[in-house]
Amino acid sequence: MRGSLRNARRRRGWRHGATAVELALISPFLLLFLYMIFEISHLYAVQNSVRMACRLAAREGVVTGVTEAEVADRVRDVLSPFVHSTDNIVVAVKDASTYDAVDSDGNPIDFPAADSIQAAIWNLPDLTNLQEADLGQLYVVAARVPYDEVALLPGVIKGLANYIGSMYDNTGLAETSALDGIQLKSYSFMRHE
């Protein structure tokens, strides 16, 4: 009887060691998974904030006497709690009267689908003087923020992307990451009053 009790204690002690090893092997992946949940949630929250900032700035631009600089400052003010530095936020006030165009029969002209409208917006001409815009003139406030400016820990995600990329590219760590060009973008159309 004493021998079997001693063997049971020995087996139980061995199992505690195995549990610690298993925890040590699994915990980095668990922490990475939790971090990714936080990062993606934060990214969606900031994307909504960029959208809201464009809407608020466009509404502010409706008021007579507001300049393009004041509209851009409004976007930066709204986004300032979410970014590391407002210097890298690109804001543009564009003349969108092109979208009011009609053909010779009076039918509206078709424009790009929603997936390419971001590129089309940035190619619109700048609205040179919002204060003197015509009554009912269509304009758009567009903003883009680099991913690095909003990431909770920007180096972690880029480092992981570089490391994973280097596993498939035997030349060593990549100089650029797949995340380098990612930007959060939004826009809001409004008519001047």
Protein backbone atom coordinates (compact mmCIF):
# COMPACT_ATOMS: atom_id res chain seq x y z
CA MET A 1 0.00 0.00 0.00
CA ARG A 2 2.78 2.41 0.83
CA GLY A 3 4.45 1.81 -2.51
CA SER A 4 1.33 2.61 -4.52
CA LEU A 5 0.78 5.85 -2.54
CA ARG A 6 4.37 6.88 -3.15
CA ASN A 7 4.01 6.16 -6.92
CA ALA A 8 0.77 8.19 -7.07
CA ARG A 9 2.50 11.19 -5.46
CA ARG A 10 5.39 10.87 -7.85
CA ARG A 11 3.04 10.75 -10.86
CA ARG A 12 1.09 13.77 -9.60
CA GLY A 13 4.30 15.79 -9.19
CA TRP A 14 5.33 14.88 -12.73
CA ARG A 15 1.94 16.03 -14.03
CA HIS A 16 2.35 19.46 -12.38
CA GLY A 17 5.59 19.91 -14.27
CA ALA A 18 3.94 18.94 -17.56
CA THR A 19 1.18 21.48 -16.96
CA ALA A 20 3.74 24.24 -16.42
CA VAL A 21 5.53 23.30 -19.65
CA GLU A 22 2.25 23.24 -21.57
CA LEU A 23 1.32 26.65 -20.17
CA ALA A 24 4.74 28.02 -21.14
CA LEU A 25 4.29 26.72 -24.69
CA ILE A 26 0.70 27.97 -25.15
CA SER A 27 0.76 31.33 -23.33
CA PRO A 28 2.66 33.34 -26.02
CA PHE A 29 0.10 32.31 -28.64
CA LEU A 30 -2.76 33.09 -26.28
CA LEU A 31 -1.33 36.52 -25.49
CA LEU A 32 -0.76 37.22 -29.19
CA PHE A 33 -4.34 36.21 -29.94
CA LEU A 34 -5.66 38.52 -27.20
CA TYR A 35 -3.46 41.36 -28.43
CA MET A 36 -4.78 40.91 -31.97
CA ILE A 37 -8.36 41.11 -30.68
CA PHE A 38 -7.55 44.38 -28.92
CA GLU A 39 -5.69 45.77 -31.93
CA ILE A 40 -8.45 44.96 -34.42
CA SER A 41 -11.13 46.35 -32.09
CA HIS A 42 -9.12 49.53 -31.67
CA LEU A 43 -8.65 49.76 -35.44
CA TYR A 44 -12.40 49.58 -36.03
CA ALA A 45 -13.03 52.21 -33.37
CA VAL A 46 -10.52 54.57 -34.99
CA GLN A 47 -11.99 53.92 -38.46
CA ASN A 48 -15.38 54.98 -37.11
CA SER A 49 -13.75 58.05 -35.59
CA VAL A 50 -12.19 58.99 -38.95
CA ARG A 51 -15.62 58.67 -40.54
CA MET A 52 -17.19 60.80 -37.79
CA ALA A 53 -14.43 63.42 -38.05
CA CYS A 54 -15.06 63.81 -41.79
CA ARG A 55 -18.80 64.17 -41.21
CA LEU A 56 -18.38 66.77 -38.48
CA ALA A 57 -15.86 68.76 -40.48
CA ALA A 58 -18.05 68.66 -43.59
CA ARG A 59 -21.01 69.92 -41.56
CA GLU A 60 -18.86 72.68 -40.15
CA GLY A 61 -17.82 73.61 -43.70
CA VAL A 62 -21.46 74.22 -44.63
CA VAL A 63 -21.46 77.36 -42.53
CA THR A 64 -20.54 80.51 -44.42
CA GLY A 65 -17.19 81.96 -43.45
CA VAL A 66 -15.41 78.70 -42.62
CA THR A 67 -12.11 78.10 -44.41
CA GLU A 68 -10.57 74.86 -45.66
CA ALA A 69 -7.91 75.13 -42.94
CA GLU A 70 -10.60 75.31 -40.25
CA VAL A 71 -12.29 72.23 -41.71
CA ALA A 72 -8.97 70.34 -41.72
CA ASP A 73 -8.26 71.45 -38.15
CA ARG A 74 -11.67 70.12 -37.11
CA VAL A 75 -10.77 66.68 -38.47
CA ARG A 76 -7.43 66.74 -36.64
CA ASP A 77 -9.09 67.89 -33.39
CA VAL A 78 -11.58 65.02 -33.48
CA LEU A 79 -8.86 62.47 -34.26
CA SER A 80 -6.24 63.77 -31.83
CA PRO A 81 -7.16 61.37 -28.98
CA PHE A 82 -6.75 58.37 -31.27
CA VAL A 83 -3.46 59.07 -33.05
CA HIS A 84 0.13 59.34 -31.89
CA SER A 85 0.65 62.58 -33.85
CA THR A 86 -1.79 64.68 -35.87
CA ASP A 87 1.03 65.74 -38.24
CA ASN A 88 0.54 62.63 -40.41
CA ILE A 89 -3.22 63.02 -40.85
CA VAL A 90 -3.90 64.05 -44.44
CA VAL A 91 -7.09 66.08 -44.88
CA ALA A 92 -8.40 67.43 -48.17
CA VAL A 93 -11.41 69.53 -49.07
CA LYS A 94 -12.24 68.71 -52.68
CA ASP A 95 -14.64 70.20 -55.21
CA ALA A 96 -17.16 67.41 -55.89
CA SER A 97 -19.35 69.35 -58.29
CA THR A 98 -18.26 66.82 -60.92
CA TYR A 99 -20.68 64.38 -59.32
CA ASP A 100 -23.55 66.77 -60.11
CA ALA A 101 -22.81 66.51 -63.83
CA VAL A 102 -25.50 65.38 -66.26
CA ASP A 103 -25.27 64.28 -69.87
CA SER A 104 -26.95 66.07 -72.80
CA ASP A 105 -30.27 64.28 -72.07
CA GLY A 106 -30.27 65.46 -68.45
CA ASN A 107 -29.42 62.02 -67.04
CA PRO A 108 -26.83 61.78 -64.26
CA ILE A 109 -23.43 60.53 -65.36
CA ASP A 110 -22.32 57.17 -63.90
CA PHE A 111 -19.31 57.34 -61.63
CA PRO A 112 -16.96 54.72 -60.16
CA ALA A 113 -18.25 51.97 -57.93
CA ALA A 114 -17.84 52.31 -54.17
CA ASP A 115 -14.62 50.28 -54.10
CA SER A 116 -12.75 52.76 -56.30
CA ILE A 117 -14.44 55.94 -55.12
CA GLN A 118 -11.64 56.60 -52.61
CA ALA A 119 -9.14 56.93 -55.45
CA ALA A 120 -11.56 59.06 -57.44
CA ILE A 121 -12.10 61.43 -54.51
CA TRP A 122 -8.38 62.09 -54.03
CA ASN A 123 -8.13 62.91 -57.76
CA LEU A 124 -10.84 65.58 -57.60
CA PRO A 125 -9.68 69.21 -57.80
CA ASP A 126 -9.09 71.01 -54.51
CA LEU A 127 -11.75 73.44 -53.40
CA THR A 128 -9.72 76.61 -53.44
CA ASN A 129 -12.04 78.82 -51.43
CA LEU A 130 -14.76 77.21 -49.34
CA GLN A 131 -15.86 80.61 -48.08
CA GLU A 132 -16.85 81.70 -51.57
CA ALA A 133 -18.37 78.41 -52.73
CA ASP A 134 -21.64 78.71 -54.61
CA LEU A 135 -24.92 77.98 -52.86
CA GLY A 136 -25.59 74.26 -53.12
CA GLN A 137 -22.10 73.41 -54.40
CA LEU A 138 -21.15 69.83 -53.64
CA TYR A 139 -17.83 69.32 -51.86
CA VAL A 140 -16.16 66.46 -50.04
CA VAL A 141 -13.99 66.30 -46.95
CA ALA A 142 -11.59 63.37 -47.14
CA ALA A 143 -9.10 62.16 -44.55
CA ARG A 144 -6.54 59.40 -44.32
CA VAL A 145 -4.46 58.26 -41.39
CA PRO A 146 -1.51 55.83 -41.61
CA TYR A 147 -1.94 52.60 -39.65
CA ASP A 148 1.25 53.33 -37.69
CA GLU A 149 -0.37 56.44 -36.23
CA VAL A 150 -3.23 54.53 -34.63
CA ALA A 151 -1.75 51.14 -33.74
CA LEU A 152 -1.64 50.33 -30.04
CA LEU A 153 1.87 48.91 -30.41
CA PRO A 154 2.93 49.68 -34.01
CA GLY A 155 6.24 47.86 -33.82
CA VAL A 156 4.73 44.56 -32.71
CA ILE A 157 2.47 44.02 -35.72
CA LYS A 158 5.09 45.25 -38.20
CA GLY A 159 7.73 43.06 -36.57
CA LEU A 160 5.46 40.03 -36.82
CA ALA A 161 4.65 40.78 -40.45
CA ASN A 162 8.36 41.15 -41.23
CA TYR A 163 9.22 37.95 -39.38
CA ILE A 164 6.50 35.94 -41.09
CA GLY A 165 7.53 37.40 -44.44
CA SER A 166 11.16 36.46 -43.79
CA MET A 167 10.16 32.84 -43.14
CA TYR A 168 9.07 32.64 -46.80
CA ASP A 169 11.85 34.87 -48.11
CA ASN A 170 15.25 33.41 -47.22
CA THR A 171 17.06 36.72 -47.69
CA GLY A 172 16.48 37.78 -44.07
CA LEU A 173 14.03 40.24 -42.56
CA ALA A 174 12.15 42.26 -45.12
CA GLU A 175 12.87 45.98 -45.26
CA THR A 176 9.21 46.79 -45.76
CA SER A 177 6.17 45.18 -44.26
CA ALA A 178 2.84 44.28 -45.79
CA LEU A 179 1.40 46.84 -43.38
CA ASP A 180 3.46 49.80 -44.65
CA GLY A 181 0.83 51.18 -47.01
CA ILE A 182 -2.25 50.57 -44.89
CA GLN A 183 -4.24 53.70 -44.17
CA LEU A 184 -7.59 54.38 -42.58
CA LYS A 185 -9.60 56.50 -44.99
CA SER A 186 -12.97 58.16 -45.00
CA TYR A 187 -14.87 60.95 -46.70
CA SER A 188 -18.08 62.89 -46.36
CA PHE A 189 -19.99 64.76 -49.06
CA MET A 190 -21.86 67.96 -48.23
CA ARG A 191 -23.50 70.87 -50.03
CA HIS A 192 -22.47 74.42 -49.22
CA GLU A 193 -25.25 76.63 -47.89
